[in-house]
């Protein structure tokens, strides 16, 4: 029966030194953890008893005497040390994939143990490019994340920054919903804490608040603004735009300018067309201009300060 055995750096085990190519026998019945030459039929089981250390020696062995086995460990009274197994081959045997540093990995280029996927740094990750432990998904930084591009711990969803968030793109902690900035919010787009509503910028609110427009109170909520024709028109105004560039689409120059692109999976690119806003307004259809001029509390001076657009009289 063939198997594997791990030794200390000097080829010793339990005070006895071995040599590759030699056979060893004893006149006794093998008893696990008592007497005999111990080995494992699966190499990964050896590292339940030895530290996973490249300084240790690993060998393929053959048991040609009596053999007993229990809980992944075997013992014999006659053993031959067949050959030393290089550490690179050890990593390949204990992992499924290539270029893994660790053990029990399924995938490629993992650093750590028990990862399923590729390019993980940590332990027990399922997915790709995770930094941390026990994440399910891709590109997570932290522990116990379920989803993608989370920074923090125990997030469920995508692109959360913080801890214990359930949803998407939350910045803060313990939020349930999406796009919250703050803590303990239940809802969406809250800036503040402990709100049980959406679009709140305060704390402990259960009703949706009215918004200030042109420095005065209005009878609009943020939902009214987002659903307005004026907002849709202004969205077409030339502006600085932030675009996410995936790793596969990045140029060599963008990679040079963004040294963390491999960890992040891409980079942010800023496109600036904001210098043409006045020309855009001057060529806008009159009926579209009227939608904007009809906004609650419209004030031309404030509008110019905020947009760079000078509204002509008449």
C-alpha atoms as a PDB file:
ATOM      1  CA  UNK A   1       0.000   0.000   0.000  1.00  0.00           C
ATOM      2  CA  UNK A   2       1.384   3.391  -0.995  1.00  0.00           C
ATOM      3  CA  UNK A   3       0.895   6.588   0.946  1.00  0.00           C
ATOM      4  CA  UNK A   4       2.562   9.740   2.234  1.00  0.00           C
ATOM      5  CA  UNK A   5       4.603  10.688   5.271  1.00  0.00           C
ATOM      6  CA  UNK A   6       5.809  14.063   6.570  1.00  0.00           C
ATOM      7  CA  UNK A   7       9.079  14.514   8.472  1.00  0.00           C
ATOM      8  CA  UNK A   8      10.883  17.360  10.175  1.00  0.00           C
ATOM      9  CA  UNK A   9      13.477  19.261   8.148  1.00  0.00           C
ATOM     10  CA  UNK A  10      16.172  16.730   9.168  1.00  0.00           C
ATOM     11  CA  UNK A  11      14.043  13.702   8.058  1.00  0.00           C
ATOM     12  CA  UNK A  12      13.277  12.773  11.647  1.00  0.00           C
ATOM     13  CA  UNK A  13       9.898  11.707  13.028  1.00  0.00           C
ATOM     14  CA  UNK A  14       9.189  10.983  16.684  1.00  0.00           C
ATOM     15  CA  UNK A  15      12.947  10.918  17.401  1.00  0.00           C
ATOM     16  CA  UNK A  16      13.864   8.473  14.607  1.00  0.00           C
ATOM     17  CA  UNK A  17      15.693   9.607  11.477  1.00  0.00           C
ATOM     18  CA  UNK A  18      14.815   8.162   8.070  1.00  0.00           C
ATOM     19  CA  UNK A  19      16.550   8.090   4.676  1.00  0.00           C
ATOM     20  CA  UNK A  20      15.066   8.059   1.184  1.00  0.00           C
ATOM     21  CA  UNK A  21      15.360   4.660  -0.508  1.00  0.00           C
ATOM     22  CA  UNK A  22      15.689   2.634   2.708  1.00  0.00           C
ATOM     23  CA  UNK A  23      13.249   0.203   4.329  1.00  0.00           C
ATOM     24  CA  UNK A  24      12.408  -0.081   8.040  1.00  0.00           C
ATOM     25  CA  UNK A  25      10.827  -2.967   9.932  1.00  0.00           C
ATOM     26  CA  UNK A  26       9.827  -3.775  13.484  1.00  0.00           C
ATOM     27  CA  UNK A  27       8.781  -7.036  15.164  1.00  0.00           C
ATOM     28  CA  UNK A  28       5.560  -5.757  16.697  1.00  0.00           C
ATOM     29  CA  UNK A  29       1.915  -5.346  15.858  1.00  0.00           C
ATOM     30  CA  UNK A  30       1.206  -1.830  14.523  1.00  0.00           C
ATOM     31  CA  UNK A  31      -0.956   0.266  16.865  1.00  0.00           C
ATOM     32  CA  UNK A  32      -1.975   3.786  15.838  1.00  0.00           C
ATOM     33  CA  UNK A  33      -0.422   6.492  18.069  1.00  0.00           C
ATOM     34  CA  UNK A  34       1.466   3.817  19.981  1.00  0.00           C
ATOM     35  CA  UNK A  35       3.821   1.631  17.939  1.00  0.00           C
ATOM     36  CA  UNK A  36       4.675   1.338  14.262  1.00  0.00           C
ATOM     37  CA  UNK A  37       5.448   3.577  11.312  1.00  0.00           C
ATOM     38  CA  UNK A  38       2.692   6.097  10.704  1.00  0.00           C
ATOM     39  CA  UNK A  39       1.605   7.463   7.317  1.00  0.00           C
ATOM     40  CA  UNK A  40      -1.499   8.679   5.499  1.00  0.00           C
ATOM     41  CA  UNK A  41      -3.091   7.360   2.323  1.00  0.00           C
ATOM     42  CA  UNK A  42      -4.066  10.950   1.388  1.00  0.00           C
ATOM     43  CA  UNK A  43      -1.409  13.633   1.606  1.00  0.00           C
ATOM     44  CA  UNK A  44      -3.791  16.325   2.918  1.00  0.00           C
ATOM     45  CA  UNK A  45      -4.452  14.160   5.999  1.00  0.00           C
ATOM     46  CA  UNK A  46      -0.746  14.329   6.909  1.00  0.00           C
ATOM     47  CA  UNK A  47      -1.118  18.040   7.620  1.00  0.00           C
ATOM     48  CA  UNK A  48      -3.677  17.366  10.307  1.00  0.00           C
ATOM     49  CA  UNK A  49      -0.691  16.123  12.313  1.00  0.00           C
ATOM     50  CA  UNK A  50       2.164  18.251  10.898  1.00  0.00           C
ATOM     51  CA  UNK A  51       2.401  21.998  10.308  1.00  0.00           C
ATOM     52  CA  UNK A  52       1.965  22.941   6.652  1.00  0.00           C
ATOM     53  CA  UNK A  53       5.550  24.188   6.409  1.00  0.00           C
ATOM     54  CA  UNK A  54       7.790  24.103   3.300  1.00  0.00           C
ATOM     55  CA  UNK A  55      10.752  23.413   5.609  1.00  0.00           C
ATOM     56  CA  UNK A  56       9.337  19.981   6.419  1.00  0.00           C
ATOM     57  CA  UNK A  57      10.202  16.976   4.250  1.00  0.00           C
ATOM     58  CA  UNK A  58       7.455  15.050   2.460  1.00  0.00           C
ATOM     59  CA  UNK A  59       7.879  11.564   1.005  1.00  0.00           C
ATOM     60  CA  UNK A  60       5.962   8.931  -0.884  1.00  0.00           C
ATOM     61  CA  UNK A  61       6.114   5.696   1.079  1.00  0.00           C
ATOM     62  CA  UNK A  62       5.128   2.035   0.675  1.00  0.00           C
ATOM     63  CA  UNK A  63       3.736  -0.053   3.516  1.00  0.00           C
ATOM     64  CA  UNK A  64       4.536  -3.719   2.848  1.00  0.00           C
ATOM     65  CA  UNK A  65       3.716  -5.180   6.240  1.00  0.00           C
ATOM     66  CA  UNK A  66       0.580  -5.269   8.397  1.00  0.00           C
ATOM     67  CA  UNK A  67      -1.518  -2.081   8.088  1.00  0.00           C
ATOM     68  CA  UNK A  68      -4.248  -0.630  10.278  1.00  0.00           C
ATOM     69  CA  UNK A  69      -6.113   2.604   9.516  1.00  0.00           C
ATOM     70  CA  UNK A  70      -8.388   4.932  11.446  1.00  0.00           C
ATOM     71  CA  UNK A  71      -9.670   8.493  10.855  1.00  0.00           C
ATOM     72  CA  UNK A  72      -7.428   9.050   7.805  1.00  0.00           C
ATOM     73  CA  UNK A  73      -4.265   7.860   9.579  1.00  0.00           C
ATOM     74  CA  UNK A  74      -2.502   4.513   8.947  1.00  0.00           C
ATOM     75  CA  UNK A  75       0.179   2.529  10.736  1.00  0.00           C
ATOM     76  CA  UNK A  76       2.418  -0.364   9.591  1.00  0.00           C
ATOM     77  CA  UNK A  77       5.271  -2.468  10.919  1.00  0.00           C
ATOM     78  CA  UNK A  78       7.169  -2.418   7.580  1.00  0.00           C
ATOM     79  CA  UNK A  79       7.717   0.733   5.500  1.00  0.00           C
ATOM     80  CA  UNK A  80       9.933   1.930   2.640  1.00  0.00           C
ATOM     81  CA  UNK A  81      10.700   5.582   1.906  1.00  0.00           C
ATOM     82  CA  UNK A  82      10.303   5.650  -1.876  1.00  0.00           C
ATOM     83  CA  UNK A  83      11.075   9.262  -2.820  1.00  0.00           C
ATOM     84  CA  UNK A  84      11.030  12.845  -1.624  1.00  0.00           C
ATOM     85  CA  UNK A  85       8.150  14.918  -2.976  1.00  0.00           C
ATOM     86  CA  UNK A  86       9.166  18.504  -3.874  1.00  0.00           C
ATOM     87  CA  UNK A  87       7.054  21.211  -2.219  1.00  0.00           C
ATOM     88  CA  UNK A  88       5.679  22.381  -5.563  1.00  0.00           C
ATOM     89  CA  UNK A  89       4.290  18.891  -6.148  1.00  0.00           C
ATOM     90  CA  UNK A  90       2.895  18.854  -2.608  1.00  0.00           C
ATOM     91  CA  UNK A  91       0.895  22.012  -3.352  1.00  0.00           C
ATOM     92  CA  UNK A  92      -0.437  20.480  -6.545  1.00  0.00           C
ATOM     93  CA  UNK A  93      -1.488  17.252  -4.773  1.00  0.00           C
ATOM     94  CA  UNK A  94      -3.318  18.912  -1.863  1.00  0.00           C
ATOM     95  CA  UNK A  95      -5.027  21.522  -4.082  1.00  0.00           C
ATOM     96  CA  UNK A  96      -7.263  21.247  -7.127  1.00  0.00           C
ATOM     97  CA  UNK A  97      -5.856  23.797  -9.541  1.00  0.00           C
ATOM     98  CA  UNK A  98      -2.555  25.551 -10.101  1.00  0.00           C
ATOM     99  CA  UNK A  99      -0.195  27.978  -8.367  1.00  0.00           C
ATOM    100  CA  UNK A 100      -1.945  27.728  -4.996  1.00  0.00           C
ATOM    101  CA  UNK A 101      -0.130  28.549  -1.759  1.00  0.00           C
ATOM    102  CA  UNK A 102      -2.005  26.723   0.973  1.00  0.00           C
ATOM    103  CA  UNK A 103      -4.079  23.575   1.009  1.00  0.00           C
ATOM    104  CA  UNK A 104      -7.514  22.222   0.175  1.00  0.00           C
ATOM    105  CA  UNK A 105      -7.956  24.900  -2.499  1.00  0.00           C
ATOM    106  CA  UNK A 106     -10.108  24.340  -5.580  1.00  0.00           C
ATOM    107  CA  UNK A 107      -9.039  26.808  -8.277  1.00  0.00           C
ATOM    108  CA  UNK A 108      -5.899  28.711  -9.187  1.00  0.00           C
ATOM    109  CA  UNK A 109      -3.544  31.252  -7.573  1.00  0.00           C
ATOM    110  CA  UNK A 110      -5.070  31.028  -4.078  1.00  0.00           C
ATOM    111  CA  UNK A 111      -3.125  32.095  -0.991  1.00  0.00           C
ATOM    112  CA  UNK A 112      -4.600  30.422   2.097  1.00  0.00           C
ATOM    113  CA  UNK A 113      -6.639  27.305   2.723  1.00  0.00           C
ATOM    114  CA  UNK A 114      -9.927  25.791   1.573  1.00  0.00           C
ATOM    115  CA  UNK A 115     -10.729  28.380  -1.091  1.00  0.00           C
ATOM    116  CA  UNK A 116     -13.026  27.560  -3.988  1.00  0.00           C
ATOM    117  CA  UNK A 117     -12.261  29.879  -6.889  1.00  0.00           C
ATOM    118  CA  UNK A 118      -9.294  31.858  -8.119  1.00  0.00           C
ATOM    119  CA  UNK A 119      -6.927  34.521  -6.764  1.00  0.00           C
ATOM    120  CA  UNK A 120      -8.273  34.409  -3.189  1.00  0.00           C
ATOM    121  CA  UNK A 121      -6.179  35.587  -0.239  1.00  0.00           C
ATOM    122  CA  UNK A 122      -7.545  34.108   2.956  1.00  0.00           C
ATOM    123  CA  UNK A 123      -9.498  31.054   4.018  1.00  0.00           C
ATOM    124  CA  UNK A 124     -12.728  29.312   3.030  1.00  0.00           C
ATOM    125  CA  UNK A 125     -13.675  31.778   0.290  1.00  0.00           C
ATOM    126  CA  UNK A 126     -16.080  30.756  -2.455  1.00  0.00           C
ATOM    127  CA  UNK A 127     -15.600  32.933  -5.519  1.00  0.00           C
ATOM    128  CA  UNK A 128     -12.772  34.928  -7.010  1.00  0.00           C
ATOM    129  CA  UNK A 129     -10.388  37.714  -5.960  1.00  0.00           C
ATOM    130  CA  UNK A 130     -11.489  37.766  -2.312  1.00  0.00           C
ATOM    131  CA  UNK A 131      -9.216  39.220   0.371  1.00  0.00           C
ATOM    132  CA  UNK A 132     -10.325  37.946   3.755  1.00  0.00           C
ATOM    133  CA  UNK A 133     -12.098  34.887   5.037  1.00  0.00           C
ATOM    134  CA  UNK A 134     -15.294  32.954   4.438  1.00  0.00           C
ATOM    135  CA  UNK A 135     -16.640  35.209   1.678  1.00  0.00           C
ATOM    136  CA  UNK A 136     -19.091  33.996  -0.947  1.00  0.00           C
ATOM    137  CA  UNK A 137     -18.846  36.037  -4.137  1.00  0.00           C
ATOM    138  CA  UNK A 138     -16.154  38.014  -5.894  1.00  0.00           C
ATOM    139  CA  UNK A 139     -13.798  40.906  -5.135  1.00  0.00           C
ATOM    140  CA  UNK A 140     -14.682  41.127  -1.432  1.00  0.00           C
ATOM    141  CA  UNK A 141     -12.304  42.690   1.103  1.00  0.00           C
ATOM    142  CA  UNK A 142     -13.138  41.533   4.604  1.00  0.00           C
ATOM    143  CA  UNK A 143     -14.764  38.503   6.184  1.00  0.00           C
ATOM    144  CA  UNK A 144     -18.041  36.643   5.764  1.00  0.00           C
ATOM    145  CA  UNK A 145     -19.302  38.710   2.831  1.00  0.00           C
ATOM    146  CA  UNK A 146     -21.957  37.369   0.484  1.00  0.00           C
ATOM    147  CA  UNK A 147     -21.965  39.242  -2.814  1.00  0.00           C
ATOM    148  CA  UNK A 148     -19.499  41.278  -4.804  1.00  0.00           C
ATOM    149  CA  UNK A 149     -17.081  44.166  -4.230  1.00  0.00           C
ATOM    150  CA  UNK A 150     -17.844  44.500  -0.519  1.00  0.00           C
ATOM    151  CA  UNK A 151     -15.351  46.270   1.757  1.00  0.00           C
ATOM    152  CA  UNK A 152     -15.958  45.280   5.364  1.00  0.00           C
ATOM    153  CA  UNK A 153     -17.393  42.281   7.181  1.00  0.00           C
ATOM    154  CA  UNK A 154     -20.645  40.321   7.192  1.00  0.00           C
ATOM    155  CA  UNK A 155     -22.197  42.178   4.253  1.00  0.00           C
ATOM    156  CA  UNK A 156     -24.942  40.579   2.168  1.00  0.00           C
ATOM    157  CA  UNK A 157     -25.260  42.236  -1.240  1.00  0.00           C
ATOM    158  CA  UNK A 158     -22.919  44.124  -3.527  1.00  0.00           C
ATOM    159  CA  UNK A 159     -20.533  47.065  -3.199  1.00  0.00           C
ATOM    160  CA  UNK A 160     -21.155  47.726   0.492  1.00  0.00           C
ATOM    161  CA  UNK A 161     -18.579  49.662   2.513  1.00  0.00           C
ATOM    162  CA  UNK A 162     -18.976  48.899   6.198  1.00  0.00           C
ATOM    163  CA  UNK A 163     -20.219  46.002   8.268  1.00  0.00           C
ATOM    164  CA  UNK A 164     -23.373  43.910   8.587  1.00  0.00           C
ATOM    165  CA  UNK A 165     -25.168  45.578   5.670  1.00  0.00           C
ATOM    166  CA  UNK A 166     -27.958  43.824   3.768  1.00  0.00           C
ATOM    167  CA  UNK A 167     -28.475  45.338   0.324  1.00  0.00           C
ATOM    168  CA  UNK A 168     -26.401  47.178  -2.197  1.00  0.00           C
ATOM    169  CA  UNK A 169     -23.962  50.090  -2.139  1.00  0.00           C
ATOM    170  CA  UNK A 170     -24.428  50.925   1.531  1.00  0.00           C
ATOM    171  CA  UNK A 171     -21.781  53.038   3.288  1.00  0.00           C
ATOM    172  CA  UNK A 172     -22.066  52.471   7.012  1.00  0.00           C
ATOM    173  CA  UNK A 173     -23.104  49.668   9.302  1.00  0.00           C
ATOM    174  CA  UNK A 174     -26.170  47.527   9.968  1.00  0.00           C
ATOM    175  CA  UNK A 175     -28.217  48.943   7.091  1.00  0.00           C
ATOM    176  CA  UNK A 176     -31.062  47.011   5.479  1.00  0.00           C
ATOM    177  CA  UNK A 177     -31.732  48.418   2.020  1.00  0.00           C
ATOM    178  CA  UNK A 178     -29.744  50.110  -0.695  1.00  0.00           C
ATOM    179  CA  UNK A 179     -27.489  53.166  -1.050  1.00  0.00           C
ATOM    180  CA  UNK A 180     -27.626  54.134   2.626  1.00  0.00           C
ATOM    181  CA  UNK A 181     -24.955  56.375   4.163  1.00  0.00           C
ATOM    182  CA  UNK A 182     -25.145  55.975   7.918  1.00  0.00           C
ATOM    183  CA  UNK A 183     -26.013  53.238  10.363  1.00  0.00           C
ATOM    184  CA  UNK A 184     -29.021  51.091  11.278  1.00  0.00           C
ATOM    185  CA  UNK A 185     -31.258  52.323   8.456  1.00  0.00           C
ATOM    186  CA  UNK A 186     -34.166  50.301   7.063  1.00  0.00           C
ATOM    187  CA  UNK A 187     -34.921  51.601   3.599  1.00  0.00           C
ATOM    188  CA  UNK A 188     -33.042  53.143   0.713  1.00  0.00           C
ATOM    189  CA  UNK A 189     -30.904  56.230   0.141  1.00  0.00           C
ATOM    190  CA  UNK A 190     -30.836  57.377   3.760  1.00  0.00           C
ATOM    191  CA  UNK A 191     -28.186  59.756   5.062  1.00  0.00           C
ATOM    192  CA  UNK A 192     -28.348  59.452   8.821  1.00  0.00           C
ATOM    193  CA  UNK A 193     -29.115  56.790  11.366  1.00  0.00           C
ATOM    194  CA  UNK A 194     -31.984  54.594  12.577  1.00  0.00           C
ATOM    195  CA  UNK A 195     -34.475  55.642   9.897  1.00  0.00           C
ATOM    196  CA  UNK A 196     -37.393  53.371   8.959  1.00  0.00           C
ATOM    197  CA  UNK A 197     -38.116  55.162   5.698  1.00  0.00           C
ATOM    198  CA  UNK A 198     -36.262  56.010   2.506  1.00  0.00           C
ATOM    199  CA  UNK A 199     -34.503  59.224   1.468  1.00  0.00           C
ATOM    200  CA  UNK A 200     -34.097  60.613   4.982  1.00  0.00           C
ATOM    201  CA  UNK A 201     -31.185  62.861   5.982  1.00  0.00           C
ATOM    202  CA  UNK A 202     -31.928  62.755   9.691  1.00  0.00           C
ATOM    203  CA  UNK A 203     -32.361  60.226  12.459  1.00  0.00           C
ATOM    204  CA  UNK A 204     -35.284  58.157  13.801  1.00  0.00           C
ATOM    205  CA  UNK A 205     -37.678  59.176  11.012  1.00  0.00           C
ATOM    206  CA  UNK A 206     -40.676  57.179   9.753  1.00  0.00           C
ATOM    207  CA  UNK A 207     -42.119  59.677   7.251  1.00  0.00           C
ATOM    208  CA  UNK A 208     -40.526  60.930   4.055  1.00  0.00           C
ATOM    209  CA  UNK A 209     -39.282  64.486   4.369  1.00  0.00           C
ATOM    210  CA  UNK A 210     -39.725  67.449   2.013  1.00  0.00           C
ATOM    211  CA  UNK A 211     -36.612  68.801   0.365  1.00  0.00           C
ATOM    212  CA  UNK A 212     -35.053  72.267   0.215  1.00  0.00           C
ATOM    213  CA  UNK A 213     -34.814  73.716  -3.300  1.00  0.00           C
ATOM    214  CA  UNK A 214     -32.955  76.904  -4.134  1.00  0.00           C
ATOM    215  CA  UNK A 215     -32.291  77.439  -0.412  1.00  0.00           C
ATOM    216  CA  UNK A 216     -35.988  77.386   0.519  1.00  0.00           C
ATOM    217  CA  UNK A 217     -38.416  74.769   1.745  1.00  0.00           C
ATOM    218  CA  UNK A 218     -40.500  73.181  -0.999  1.00  0.00           C
ATOM    219  CA  UNK A 219     -43.501  70.857  -1.163  1.00  0.00           C
ATOM    220  CA  UNK A 220     -41.464  68.268  -3.117  1.00  0.00           C
ATOM    221  CA  UNK A 221     -39.934  65.065  -1.785  1.00  0.00           C
ATOM    222  CA  UNK A 222     -36.757  63.673  -3.281  1.00  0.00           C
ATOM    223  CA  UNK A 223     -38.937  61.165  -5.134  1.00  0.00           C
ATOM    224  CA  UNK A 224     -40.797  64.053  -6.767  1.00  0.00           C
ATOM    225  CA  UNK A 225     -37.503  65.533  -7.893  1.00  0.00           C
ATOM    226  CA  UNK A 226     -36.199  62.240  -9.263  1.00  0.00           C
ATOM    227  CA  UNK A 227     -39.432  61.673 -11.204  1.00  0.00           C
ATOM    228  CA  UNK A 228     -39.533  65.215 -12.627  1.00  0.00           C
ATOM    229  CA  UNK A 229     -39.033  66.094 -16.300  1.00  0.00           C
ATOM    230  CA  UNK A 230     -36.646  68.856 -15.234  1.00  0.00           C
ATOM    231  CA  UNK A 231     -34.260  66.359 -13.683  1.00  0.00           C
ATOM    232  CA  UNK A 232     -34.401  64.139 -16.766  1.00  0.00           C
ATOM    233  CA  UNK A 233     -33.530  67.151 -18.933  1.00  0.00           C
ATOM    234  CA  UNK A 234     -30.659  68.257 -16.677  1.00  0.00           C
ATOM    235  CA  UNK A 235     -29.235  64.732 -16.718  1.00  0.00           C
ATOM    236  CA  UNK A 236     -28.351  65.408 -20.352  1.00  0.00           C
ATOM    237  CA  UNK A 237     -26.194  68.393 -19.417  1.00  0.00           C
ATOM    238  CA  UNK A 238     -22.446  67.969 -20.156  1.00  0.00           C
ATOM    239  CA  UNK A 239     -20.678  67.116 -16.919  1.00  0.00           C
ATOM    240  CA  UNK A 240     -17.849  65.295 -15.261  1.00  0.00           C
ATOM    241  CA  UNK A 241     -18.680  61.619 -15.440  1.00  0.00           C
ATOM    242  CA  UNK A 242     -17.163  58.827 -13.383  1.00  0.00           C
ATOM    243  CA  UNK A 243     -16.957  55.526 -15.205  1.00  0.00           C
ATOM    244  CA  UNK A 244     -15.865  52.118 -13.900  1.00  0.00           C
ATOM    245  CA  UNK A 245     -13.350  50.508 -16.262  1.00  0.00           C
ATOM    246  CA  UNK A 246     -13.107  46.735 -15.925  1.00  0.00           C
ATOM    247  CA  UNK A 247      -9.666  45.136 -15.771  1.00  0.00           C
ATOM    248  CA  UNK A 248     -10.139  43.491 -19.188  1.00  0.00           C
ATOM    249  CA  UNK A 249     -10.854  46.919 -20.756  1.00  0.00           C
ATOM    250  CA  UNK A 250      -7.993  48.880 -19.151  1.00  0.00           C
ATOM    251  CA  UNK A 251      -5.178  50.345 -21.221  1.00  0.00           C
ATOM    252  CA  UNK A 252      -1.521  49.999 -20.215  1.00  0.00           C
ATOM    253  CA  UNK A 253      -1.517  53.683 -19.210  1.00  0.00           C
ATOM    254  CA  UNK A 254      -4.568  53.202 -16.970  1.00  0.00           C
ATOM    255  CA  UNK A 255      -2.882  50.196 -15.321  1.00  0.00           C
ATOM    256  CA  UNK A 256       0.243  52.278 -14.700  1.00  0.00           C
ATOM    257  CA  UNK A 257      -1.808  55.120 -13.175  1.00  0.00           C
ATOM    258  CA  UNK A 258      -3.829  52.750 -10.948  1.00  0.00           C
ATOM    259  CA  UNK A 259      -1.431  50.325  -9.211  1.00  0.00           C
ATOM    260  CA  UNK A 260      -4.283  48.661  -7.257  1.00  0.00           C
ATOM    261  CA  UNK A 261      -6.218  47.684 -10.391  1.00  0.00           C
ATOM    262  CA  UNK A 262      -5.595  43.939  -9.950  1.00  0.00           C
ATOM    263  CA  UNK A 263      -6.979  43.918  -6.392  1.00  0.00           C
ATOM    264  CA  UNK A 264      -9.975  46.085  -7.335  1.00  0.00           C
ATOM    265  CA  UNK A 265     -10.634  44.379 -10.654  1.00  0.00           C
ATOM    266  CA  UNK A 266     -10.486  47.665 -12.576  1.00  0.00           C
ATOM    267  CA  UNK A 267     -10.281  51.415 -12.044  1.00  0.00           C
ATOM    268  CA  UNK A 268     -12.348  54.604 -11.986  1.00  0.00           C
ATOM    269  CA  UNK A 269     -12.029  56.985 -14.940  1.00  0.00           C
ATOM    270  CA  UNK A 270     -13.231  60.620 -14.922  1.00  0.00           C
ATOM    271  CA  UNK A 271     -14.617  62.030 -18.174  1.00  0.00           C
ATOM    272  CA  UNK A 272     -14.918  65.849 -18.128  1.00  0.00           C
ATOM    273  CA  UNK A 273     -17.218  67.613 -20.596  1.00  0.00           C
ATOM    274  CA  UNK A 274     -18.481  70.240 -18.134  1.00  0.00           C
ATOM    275  CA  UNK A 275     -17.029  73.197 -20.041  1.00  0.00           C
ATOM    276  CA  UNK A 276     -19.840  73.139 -22.625  1.00  0.00           C
ATOM    277  CA  UNK A 277     -22.855  73.671 -20.328  1.00  0.00           C
ATOM    278  CA  UNK A 278     -23.752  77.195 -21.511  1.00  0.00           C
ATOM    279  CA  UNK A 279     -23.763  76.158 -25.168  1.00  0.00           C
ATOM    280  CA  UNK A 280     -25.924  73.175 -24.216  1.00  0.00           C
ATOM    281  CA  UNK A 281     -28.450  75.500 -22.500  1.00  0.00           C
ATOM    282  CA  UNK A 282     -28.478  78.054 -25.286  1.00  0.00           C
ATOM    283  CA  UNK A 283     -29.398  75.334 -27.807  1.00  0.00           C
ATOM    284  CA  UNK A 284     -31.995  73.674 -25.570  1.00  0.00           C
ATOM    285  CA  UNK A 285     -35.612  73.681 -26.808  1.00  0.00           C
ATOM    286  CA  UNK A 286     -37.773  76.342 -25.132  1.00  0.00           C
ATOM    287  CA  UNK A 287     -40.279  73.795 -23.789  1.00  0.00           C
ATOM    288  CA  UNK A 288     -37.430  72.026 -21.964  1.00  0.00           C
ATOM    289  CA  UNK A 289     -36.165  75.297 -20.534  1.00  0.00           C
ATOM    290  CA  UNK A 290     -39.688  76.004 -19.229  1.00  0.00           C
ATOM    291  CA  UNK A 291     -39.698  72.702 -17.318  1.00  0.00           C
ATOM    292  CA  UNK A 292     -36.548  73.778 -15.490  1.00  0.00           C
ATOM    293  CA  UNK A 293     -37.656  77.360 -14.917  1.00  0.00           C
ATOM    294  CA  UNK A 294     -40.893  76.015 -13.376  1.00  0.00           C
ATOM    295  CA  UNK A 295     -39.059  74.202 -10.580  1.00  0.00           C
ATOM    296  CA  UNK A 296     -40.235  75.212  -7.068  1.00  0.00           C
ATOM    297  CA  UNK A 297     -38.468  78.356  -5.824  1.00  0.00           C
ATOM    298  CA  UNK A 298     -36.439  78.685  -9.035  1.00  0.00           C
ATOM    299  CA  UNK A 299     -33.739  81.352  -8.680  1.00  0.00           C
ATOM    300  CA  UNK A 300     -31.552  82.247 -11.671  1.00  0.00           C
ATOM    301  CA  UNK A 301     -28.540  83.362  -9.578  1.00  0.00           C
ATOM    302  CA  UNK A 302     -28.494  80.171  -7.533  1.00  0.00           C
ATOM    303  CA  UNK A 303     -29.022  78.085 -10.683  1.00  0.00           C
ATOM    304  CA  UNK A 304     -25.963  79.743 -12.265  1.00  0.00           C
ATOM    305  CA  UNK A 305     -23.814  79.137  -9.190  1.00  0.00           C
ATOM    306  CA  UNK A 306     -24.796  75.469  -9.110  1.00  0.00           C
ATOM    307  CA  UNK A 307     -24.658  74.667 -12.827  1.00  0.00           C
ATOM    308  CA  UNK A 308     -22.553  77.367 -14.489  1.00  0.00           C
ATOM    309  CA  UNK A 309     -25.532  78.244 -16.712  1.00  0.00           C
ATOM    310  CA  UNK A 310     -26.593  81.879 -17.069  1.00  0.00           C
ATOM    311  CA  UNK A 311     -30.321  82.110 -17.789  1.00  0.00           C
ATOM    312  CA  UNK A 312     -30.957  84.956 -20.263  1.00  0.00           C
ATOM    313  CA  UNK A 313     -33.773  87.377 -19.455  1.00  0.00           C
ATOM    314  CA  UNK A 314     -36.861  87.008 -21.639  1.00  0.00           C
END
